[in-house]
Amino acid sequence: MLKLSKKMMYAIEAVLDIAYHAGAEPVQSREITRRQDIPRRYLEQALQHLVRQRILVGVRGPRGGYRLARERRRISIGDIVRVVRDMEANSTLIEETPGSELGQQVVRPLWMELQNNIMERLDNMTVDDLCSRANQAGISSEGRENLNFNI
């Protein structure tokens, strides 16, 4: 079942933060924690899963951090949601539990249809779309502020 959990929200915020505040250097997790107020225990776990699923790339070293694994217009919010959903996989899914005839044949199919509609919409929304929304909302980008084009 699709739900907006803390982990889901934090993962989306972290990827959006990396995309929106990226500059010449990788974005460090402590910067994401500072800007988004995400607890490190949630953040590190989510970031590692996102690296394993090739949404992010981890850069090692003293100036290391995280970068997007591909262009932000090529990462959908649905991609991020699937990673977190797999992290949070419940042992008892609604499809596996017995229920009434009305529940099995009417309510559950409706719920699955709604979930599919939501995932389709999330698949059509990219990290770039959210960056545009952040820009329109007037949120400043530390990455863009720190860029220096002087030669």
N, C-alpha and C. Protein backbone atom coordinates (compact mmCIF):
# COMPACT_ATOMS: atom_id res chain seq x y z
N MET A 1 0.85 -1.18 0.00
CA MET A 1 0.00 0.00 0.00
C MET A 1 0.89 1.24 0.00
N LEU A 2 0.53 2.21 -0.76
CA LEU A 2 1.28 3.45 -0.86
C LEU A 2 0.86 4.40 0.24
N LYS A 3 1.83 4.81 1.04
CA LYS A 3 1.56 5.80 2.08
C LYS A 3 2.74 6.75 2.14
N LEU A 4 2.50 7.97 2.55
CA LEU A 4 3.57 8.95 2.67
C LEU A 4 4.12 8.86 4.09
N SER A 5 5.13 8.00 4.25
CA SER A 5 5.77 7.83 5.54
C SER A 5 6.88 8.86 5.72
N LYS A 6 7.44 8.91 6.91
CA LYS A 6 8.57 9.80 7.14
C LYS A 6 9.73 9.45 6.22
N LYS A 7 10.01 8.15 6.08
CA LYS A 7 11.11 7.73 5.22
C LYS A 7 10.87 8.14 3.77
N MET A 8 9.63 8.01 3.32
CA MET A 8 9.29 8.39 1.95
C MET A 8 9.52 9.89 1.76
N MET A 9 9.01 10.68 2.68
CA MET A 9 9.16 12.13 2.60
C MET A 9 10.63 12.52 2.65
N TYR A 10 11.38 11.92 3.56
CA TYR A 10 12.81 12.25 3.70
C TYR A 10 13.58 11.87 2.44
N ALA A 11 13.29 10.74 1.84
CA ALA A 11 14.01 10.32 0.63
C ALA A 11 13.73 11.27 -0.53
N ILE A 12 12.47 11.65 -0.70
CA ILE A 12 12.13 12.59 -1.78
C ILE A 12 12.80 13.93 -1.51
N GLU A 13 12.75 14.41 -0.27
CA GLU A 13 13.38 15.68 0.08
C GLU A 13 14.89 15.62 -0.14
N ALA A 14 15.52 14.50 0.20
CA ALA A 14 16.97 14.37 0.05
C ALA A 14 17.38 14.42 -1.42
N VAL A 15 16.67 13.68 -2.26
CA VAL A 15 17.00 13.69 -3.70
C VAL A 15 16.74 15.08 -4.28
N LEU A 16 15.65 15.70 -3.88
CA LEU A 16 15.35 17.04 -4.35
C LEU A 16 16.41 18.03 -3.86
N ASP A 17 16.85 17.89 -2.62
CA ASP A 17 17.90 18.75 -2.09
C ASP A 17 19.18 18.61 -2.90
N ILE A 18 19.56 17.38 -3.19
CA ILE A 18 20.78 17.13 -3.98
C ILE A 18 20.65 17.76 -5.36
N ALA A 19 19.50 17.61 -5.98
CA ALA A 19 19.29 18.17 -7.31
C ALA A 19 19.26 19.69 -7.28
N TYR A 20 18.59 20.24 -6.30
CA TYR A 20 18.36 21.68 -6.26
C TYR A 20 19.57 22.46 -5.79
N HIS A 21 20.33 21.89 -4.86
CA HIS A 21 21.45 22.60 -4.27
C HIS A 21 22.80 22.14 -4.82
N ALA A 22 22.78 21.30 -5.82
CA ALA A 22 24.04 20.79 -6.38
C ALA A 22 24.83 21.93 -7.00
N GLY A 23 26.12 21.88 -6.75
CA GLY A 23 27.05 22.82 -7.36
C GLY A 23 28.16 22.01 -7.99
N ALA A 24 29.35 22.52 -7.93
CA ALA A 24 30.50 21.82 -8.50
C ALA A 24 30.90 20.60 -7.66
N GLU A 25 30.66 20.67 -6.37
CA GLU A 25 31.03 19.58 -5.46
C GLU A 25 29.81 18.71 -5.15
N PRO A 26 30.05 17.45 -4.77
CA PRO A 26 28.91 16.61 -4.34
C PRO A 26 28.25 17.22 -3.10
N VAL A 27 27.01 16.91 -2.89
CA VAL A 27 26.26 17.41 -1.73
C VAL A 27 26.50 16.45 -0.57
N GLN A 28 26.96 17.00 0.53
CA GLN A 28 27.26 16.18 1.71
C GLN A 28 26.00 15.96 2.53
N SER A 29 25.93 14.79 3.16
CA SER A 29 24.73 14.45 3.93
C SER A 29 24.49 15.42 5.07
N ARG A 30 25.56 15.93 5.67
CA ARG A 30 25.37 16.89 6.78
C ARG A 30 24.70 18.18 6.28
N GLU A 31 24.95 18.54 5.01
CA GLU A 31 24.30 19.72 4.44
C GLU A 31 22.81 19.46 4.23
N ILE A 32 22.49 18.27 3.78
CA ILE A 32 21.08 17.90 3.60
C ILE A 32 20.38 17.92 4.96
N THR A 33 21.04 17.35 5.97
CA THR A 33 20.48 17.33 7.32
C THR A 33 20.24 18.74 7.83
N ARG A 34 21.19 19.62 7.60
CA ARG A 34 21.06 21.02 8.05
C ARG A 34 19.91 21.73 7.34
N ARG A 35 19.85 21.59 6.02
CA ARG A 35 18.83 22.31 5.26
C ARG A 35 17.43 21.74 5.46
N GLN A 36 17.31 20.42 5.50
CA GLN A 36 15.99 19.79 5.51
C GLN A 36 15.56 19.30 6.89
N ASP A 37 16.46 19.38 7.86
CA ASP A 37 16.17 18.91 9.22
C ASP A 37 15.73 17.44 9.24
N ILE A 38 16.46 16.64 8.47
CA ILE A 38 16.20 15.21 8.40
C ILE A 38 17.15 14.51 9.37
N PRO A 39 16.64 13.67 10.27
CA PRO A 39 17.54 12.94 11.18
C PRO A 39 18.53 12.08 10.39
N ARG A 40 19.80 12.11 10.81
CA ARG A 40 20.86 11.40 10.09
C ARG A 40 20.58 9.91 9.96
N ARG A 41 19.97 9.30 10.99
CA ARG A 41 19.74 7.85 10.93
C ARG A 41 18.80 7.49 9.77
N TYR A 42 17.81 8.30 9.52
CA TYR A 42 16.91 8.07 8.38
C TYR A 42 17.62 8.40 7.07
N LEU A 43 18.32 9.51 7.09
CA LEU A 43 18.94 10.01 5.87
C LEU A 43 19.98 9.04 5.32
N GLU A 44 20.91 8.60 6.14
CA GLU A 44 21.98 7.72 5.67
C GLU A 44 21.43 6.42 5.10
N GLN A 45 20.45 5.86 5.78
CA GLN A 45 19.83 4.62 5.31
C GLN A 45 19.17 4.83 3.94
N ALA A 46 18.43 5.90 3.82
CA ALA A 46 17.75 6.20 2.55
C ALA A 46 18.75 6.46 1.44
N LEU A 47 19.79 7.23 1.73
CA LEU A 47 20.79 7.56 0.72
C LEU A 47 21.49 6.30 0.21
N GLN A 48 21.82 5.38 1.10
CA GLN A 48 22.47 4.15 0.68
C GLN A 48 21.57 3.32 -0.24
N HIS A 49 20.29 3.24 0.09
CA HIS A 49 19.36 2.51 -0.78
C HIS A 49 19.24 3.19 -2.14
N LEU A 50 19.22 4.50 -2.14
CA LEU A 50 19.12 5.25 -3.40
C LEU A 50 20.37 5.08 -4.25
N VAL A 51 21.52 4.92 -3.60
CA VAL A 51 22.77 4.65 -4.34
C VAL A 51 22.71 3.25 -4.94
N ARG A 52 22.27 2.28 -4.15
CA ARG A 52 22.19 0.89 -4.64
C ARG A 52 21.24 0.77 -5.83
N GLN A 53 20.21 1.59 -5.86
CA GLN A 53 19.23 1.53 -6.95
C GLN A 53 19.57 2.50 -8.08
N ARG A 54 20.76 3.07 -8.03
CA ARG A 54 21.29 3.94 -9.09
C ARG A 54 20.47 5.21 -9.33
N ILE A 55 19.92 5.73 -8.25
CA ILE A 55 19.28 7.04 -8.34
C ILE A 55 20.32 8.10 -7.97
N LEU A 56 21.18 7.75 -7.02
CA LEU A 56 22.27 8.61 -6.59
C LEU A 56 23.60 7.90 -6.82
N VAL A 57 24.66 8.69 -6.80
CA VAL A 57 26.03 8.17 -6.82
C VAL A 57 26.71 8.70 -5.57
N GLY A 58 27.33 7.82 -4.82
CA GLY A 58 28.10 8.23 -3.65
C GLY A 58 29.53 8.54 -4.06
N VAL A 59 30.05 9.68 -3.61
CA VAL A 59 31.41 10.08 -3.90
C VAL A 59 32.19 10.03 -2.59
N ARG A 60 33.24 9.22 -2.56
CA ARG A 60 34.03 9.05 -1.33
C ARG A 60 35.08 10.16 -1.20
N GLY A 61 35.58 10.29 0.01
CA GLY A 61 36.67 11.22 0.26
C GLY A 61 36.24 12.38 1.13
N PRO A 62 37.22 13.21 1.52
CA PRO A 62 36.92 14.31 2.43
C PRO A 62 35.95 15.34 1.86
N ARG A 63 35.91 15.48 0.56
CA ARG A 63 34.95 16.40 -0.07
C ARG A 63 33.85 15.62 -0.77
N GLY A 64 33.66 14.39 -0.33
CA GLY A 64 32.67 13.52 -0.95
C GLY A 64 31.26 13.87 -0.56
N GLY A 65 30.34 13.12 -1.08
CA GLY A 65 28.93 13.34 -0.81
C GLY A 65 28.11 12.57 -1.83
N TYR A 66 27.06 13.19 -2.31
CA TYR A 66 26.14 12.52 -3.24
C TYR A 66 25.84 13.41 -4.42
N ARG A 67 25.67 12.75 -5.56
CA ARG A 67 25.23 13.39 -6.80
C ARG A 67 24.10 12.55 -7.37
N LEU A 68 23.34 13.14 -8.26
CA LEU A 68 22.33 12.37 -8.98
C LEU A 68 23.06 11.41 -9.93
N ALA A 69 22.52 10.22 -10.09
CA ALA A 69 23.14 9.23 -10.98
C ALA A 69 22.84 9.52 -12.44
N ARG A 70 21.80 10.30 -12.70
CA ARG A 70 21.47 10.70 -14.07
C ARG A 70 20.81 12.08 -14.00
N GLU A 71 20.54 12.65 -15.14
CA GLU A 71 19.93 13.97 -15.19
C GLU A 71 18.64 14.00 -14.37
N ARG A 72 18.40 15.13 -13.75
CA ARG A 72 17.22 15.22 -12.88
C ARG A 72 15.92 15.09 -13.65
N ARG A 73 15.93 15.36 -14.92
CA ARG A 73 14.72 15.19 -15.73
C ARG A 73 14.49 13.71 -16.06
N ARG A 74 15.47 12.86 -15.74
CA ARG A 74 15.35 11.43 -16.02
C ARG A 74 15.12 10.60 -14.75
N ILE A 75 14.90 11.27 -13.64
CA ILE A 75 14.58 10.59 -12.38
C ILE A 75 13.16 10.98 -12.01
N SER A 76 12.28 9.99 -11.98
CA SER A 76 10.89 10.29 -11.61
C SER A 76 10.71 10.14 -10.10
N ILE A 77 9.70 10.80 -9.60
CA ILE A 77 9.37 10.66 -8.18
C ILE A 77 8.93 9.21 -7.92
N GLY A 78 8.33 8.58 -8.92
CA GLY A 78 7.97 7.17 -8.81
C GLY A 78 9.18 6.29 -8.58
N ASP A 79 10.32 6.61 -9.20
CA ASP A 79 11.56 5.85 -8.97
C ASP A 79 11.94 5.88 -7.50
N ILE A 80 11.88 7.06 -6.90
CA ILE A 80 12.24 7.23 -5.49
C ILE A 80 11.25 6.50 -4.60
N VAL A 81 9.97 6.64 -4.90
CA VAL A 81 8.92 6.00 -4.10
C VAL A 81 9.10 4.48 -4.09
N ARG A 82 9.44 3.90 -5.23
CA ARG A 82 9.63 2.44 -5.29
C ARG A 82 10.80 1.99 -4.41
N VAL A 83 11.87 2.77 -4.38
CA VAL A 83 13.02 2.42 -3.54
C VAL A 83 12.60 2.39 -2.08
N VAL A 84 11.92 3.42 -1.65
CA VAL A 84 11.51 3.50 -0.24
C VAL A 84 10.45 2.45 0.07
N ARG A 85 9.55 2.22 -0.86
CA ARG A 85 8.51 1.21 -0.65
C ARG A 85 9.15 -0.16 -0.44
N ASP A 86 10.21 -0.45 -1.19
CA ASP A 86 10.93 -1.71 -1.02
C ASP A 86 11.64 -1.75 0.34
N MET A 87 12.15 -0.59 0.79
CA MET A 87 12.79 -0.51 2.11
C MET A 87 11.80 -0.82 3.22
N GLU A 88 10.59 -0.34 3.05
CA GLU A 88 9.57 -0.43 4.09
C GLU A 88 8.65 -1.64 3.93
N ALA A 89 8.98 -2.55 3.03
CA ALA A 89 8.08 -3.67 2.71
C ALA A 89 7.51 -4.31 3.97
N ASN A 90 6.20 -4.31 4.04
CA ASN A 90 5.50 -4.95 5.17
C ASN A 90 5.37 -6.44 4.91
N SER A 91 5.37 -7.21 5.98
CA SER A 91 5.24 -8.65 5.81
C SER A 91 3.81 -9.05 5.46
N THR A 92 2.83 -8.27 5.90
CA THR A 92 1.44 -8.59 5.61
C THR A 92 0.88 -7.55 4.66
N LEU A 93 0.74 -7.92 3.43
CA LEU A 93 0.15 -7.03 2.44
C LEU A 93 -1.36 -7.25 2.40
N ILE A 94 -2.09 -6.22 2.06
CA ILE A 94 -3.56 -6.32 2.02
C ILE A 94 -4.01 -7.39 1.03
N GLU A 95 -3.24 -7.58 -0.05
CA GLU A 95 -3.63 -8.57 -1.05
C GLU A 95 -3.54 -10.00 -0.50
N GLU A 96 -2.73 -10.19 0.55
CA GLU A 96 -2.51 -11.53 1.09
C GLU A 96 -3.47 -11.88 2.23
N THR A 97 -4.21 -10.92 2.75
CA THR A 97 -5.08 -11.19 3.87
C THR A 97 -6.48 -11.57 3.39
N PRO A 98 -7.12 -12.50 4.11
CA PRO A 98 -8.48 -12.88 3.72
C PRO A 98 -9.45 -11.74 4.00
N GLY A 99 -10.54 -11.72 3.32
CA GLY A 99 -11.52 -10.67 3.53
C GLY A 99 -12.88 -11.09 3.00
N SER A 100 -13.84 -10.20 3.14
CA SER A 100 -15.19 -10.47 2.68
C SER A 100 -15.24 -10.43 1.16
N GLU A 101 -16.35 -10.90 0.63
CA GLU A 101 -16.54 -10.88 -0.82
C GLU A 101 -16.53 -9.44 -1.35
N LEU A 102 -17.21 -8.52 -0.62
CA LEU A 102 -17.21 -7.12 -1.04
C LEU A 102 -15.80 -6.53 -0.99
N GLY A 103 -15.08 -6.86 0.05
CA GLY A 103 -13.71 -6.37 0.18
C GLY A 103 -12.81 -6.89 -0.92
N GLN A 104 -12.93 -8.19 -1.19
CA GLN A 104 -12.06 -8.83 -2.20
C GLN A 104 -12.39 -8.37 -3.61
N GLN A 105 -13.67 -8.23 -3.91
CA GLN A 105 -14.06 -7.98 -5.30
C GLN A 105 -14.39 -6.52 -5.62
N VAL A 106 -14.57 -5.69 -4.59
CA VAL A 106 -14.94 -4.30 -4.86
C VAL A 106 -13.92 -3.31 -4.27
N VAL A 107 -13.72 -3.41 -2.96
CA VAL A 107 -12.87 -2.41 -2.29
C VAL A 107 -11.41 -2.55 -2.68
N ARG A 108 -10.85 -3.76 -2.61
CA ARG A 108 -9.44 -3.95 -2.94
C ARG A 108 -9.11 -3.61 -4.39
N PRO A 109 -9.94 -4.01 -5.36
CA PRO A 109 -9.65 -3.57 -6.74
C PRO A 109 -9.68 -2.05 -6.89
N LEU A 110 -10.62 -1.39 -6.20
CA LEU A 110 -10.67 0.06 -6.23
C LEU A 110 -9.38 0.64 -5.67
N TRP A 111 -8.94 0.12 -4.53
CA TRP A 111 -7.73 0.62 -3.89
C TRP A 111 -6.50 0.41 -4.79
N MET A 112 -6.42 -0.73 -5.42
CA MET A 112 -5.31 -1.01 -6.32
C MET A 112 -5.34 -0.07 -7.54
N GLU A 113 -6.53 0.21 -8.03
CA GLU A 113 -6.67 1.13 -9.16
C GLU A 113 -6.19 2.53 -8.76
N LEU A 114 -6.58 2.97 -7.56
CA LEU A 114 -6.15 4.29 -7.08
C LEU A 114 -4.63 4.33 -6.91
N GLN A 115 -4.06 3.28 -6.36
CA GLN A 115 -2.61 3.21 -6.20
C GLN A 115 -1.90 3.26 -7.55
N ASN A 116 -2.43 2.53 -8.52
CA ASN A 116 -1.84 2.55 -9.86
C ASN A 116 -1.91 3.95 -10.47
N ASN A 117 -3.03 4.65 -10.24
CA ASN A 117 -3.18 6.01 -10.74
C ASN A 117 -2.15 6.95 -10.10
N ILE A 118 -1.96 6.79 -8.80
CA ILE A 118 -0.98 7.62 -8.10
C ILE A 118 0.42 7.34 -8.61
N MET A 119 0.77 6.06 -8.77
CA MET A 119 2.11 5.72 -9.24
C MET A 119 2.33 6.22 -10.67
N GLU A 120 1.30 6.16 -11.49
CA GLU A 120 1.42 6.67 -12.86
C GLU A 120 1.71 8.17 -12.84
N ARG A 121 1.03 8.87 -11.97
CA ARG A 121 1.27 10.32 -11.85
C ARG A 121 2.66 10.60 -11.32
N LEU A 122 3.11 9.83 -10.34
CA LEU A 122 4.46 10.01 -9.80
C LEU A 122 5.53 9.66 -10.83
N ASP A 123 5.25 8.68 -11.66
CA ASP A 123 6.19 8.31 -12.73
C ASP A 123 6.32 9.42 -13.77
N ASN A 124 5.29 10.23 -13.91
CA ASN A 124 5.31 11.31 -14.89
C ASN A 124 5.82 12.63 -14.31
N MET A 125 6.14 12.63 -13.01
CA MET A 125 6.67 13.82 -12.36
C MET A 125 8.14 13.58 -12.06
N THR A 126 9.00 14.47 -12.51
CA THR A 126 10.44 14.27 -12.34
C THR A 126 10.99 15.16 -11.23
N VAL A 127 12.22 14.86 -10.86
CA VAL A 127 12.94 15.69 -9.90
C VAL A 127 13.09 17.10 -10.48
N ASP A 128 13.28 17.19 -11.77
CA ASP A 128 13.38 18.50 -12.43
C ASP A 128 12.09 19.30 -12.25
N ASP A 129 10.94 18.63 -12.34
CA ASP A 129 9.65 19.31 -12.12
C ASP A 129 9.58 19.90 -10.71
N LEU A 130 10.05 19.13 -9.72
CA LEU A 130 10.04 19.62 -8.34
C LEU A 130 11.04 20.75 -8.15
N CYS A 131 12.19 20.68 -8.82
CA CYS A 131 13.16 21.78 -8.76
C CYS A 131 12.54 23.06 -9.32
N SER A 132 11.79 22.94 -10.39
CA SER A 132 11.10 24.10 -10.97
C SER A 132 10.09 24.67 -9.98
N ARG A 133 9.38 23.80 -9.29
CA ARG A 133 8.42 24.27 -8.28
C ARG A 133 9.13 24.99 -7.14
N ALA A 134 10.28 24.46 -6.73
CA ALA A 134 11.06 25.10 -5.66
C ALA A 134 11.54 26.48 -6.11
N ASN A 135 11.98 26.57 -7.35
CA ASN A 135 12.44 27.85 -7.90
C ASN A 135 11.28 28.85 -7.97
N GLN A 136 10.12 28.38 -8.42
CA GLN A 136 8.94 29.25 -8.50
C GLN A 136 8.48 29.71 -7.12
N ALA A 137 8.73 28.86 -6.11
CA ALA A 137 8.36 29.21 -4.74
C ALA A 137 9.35 30.20 -4.11
N GLY A 138 10.43 30.50 -4.85
CA GLY A 138 11.40 31.47 -4.36
C GLY A 138 12.43 30.89 -3.40
N ILE A 139 12.58 29.59 -3.38
CA ILE A 139 13.56 28.96 -2.50
C ILE A 139 14.94 29.10 -3.14
N SER A 140 15.87 29.67 -2.37
CA SER A 140 17.20 29.89 -2.94
C SER A 140 17.99 28.59 -2.98
N SER A 141 18.84 28.47 -3.98
CA SER A 141 19.67 27.29 -4.17
C SER A 141 21.09 27.62 -3.74
N GLU A 142 21.58 26.96 -2.70
CA GLU A 142 22.94 27.20 -2.23
C GLU A 142 23.96 26.84 -3.31
N GLY A 143 23.68 25.83 -4.09
CA GLY A 143 24.60 25.42 -5.15
C GLY A 143 24.77 26.50 -6.19
N ARG A 144 23.67 27.11 -6.60
CA ARG A 144 23.75 28.18 -7.60
C ARG A 144 24.37 29.44 -7.02
N GLU A 145 24.13 29.71 -5.73
CA GLU A 145 24.71 30.88 -5.09
C GLU A 145 26.23 30.76 -5.00
N ASN A 146 26.73 29.53 -4.84
CA ASN A 146 28.16 29.31 -4.67
C ASN A 146 28.92 29.11 -5.97
N LEU A 147 28.21 29.10 -7.09
CA LEU A 147 28.91 28.94 -8.37
C LEU A 147 29.66 30.23 -8.70
N ASN A 148 30.86 30.06 -9.21
CA ASN A 148 31.69 31.20 -9.57
C ASN A 148 32.12 31.02 -11.01
N PHE A 149 31.70 31.92 -11.88
CA PHE A 149 32.02 31.82 -13.29
C PHE A 149 33.19 32.71 -13.69
N ASN A 150 33.90 33.27 -12.72
CA ASN A 150 35.08 34.11 -13.03
C ASN A 150 36.23 33.25 -13.51
N ILE A 151 36.96 33.78 -14.47
CA ILE A 151 38.13 33.07 -15.00
C ILE A 151 39.39 33.78 -14.55
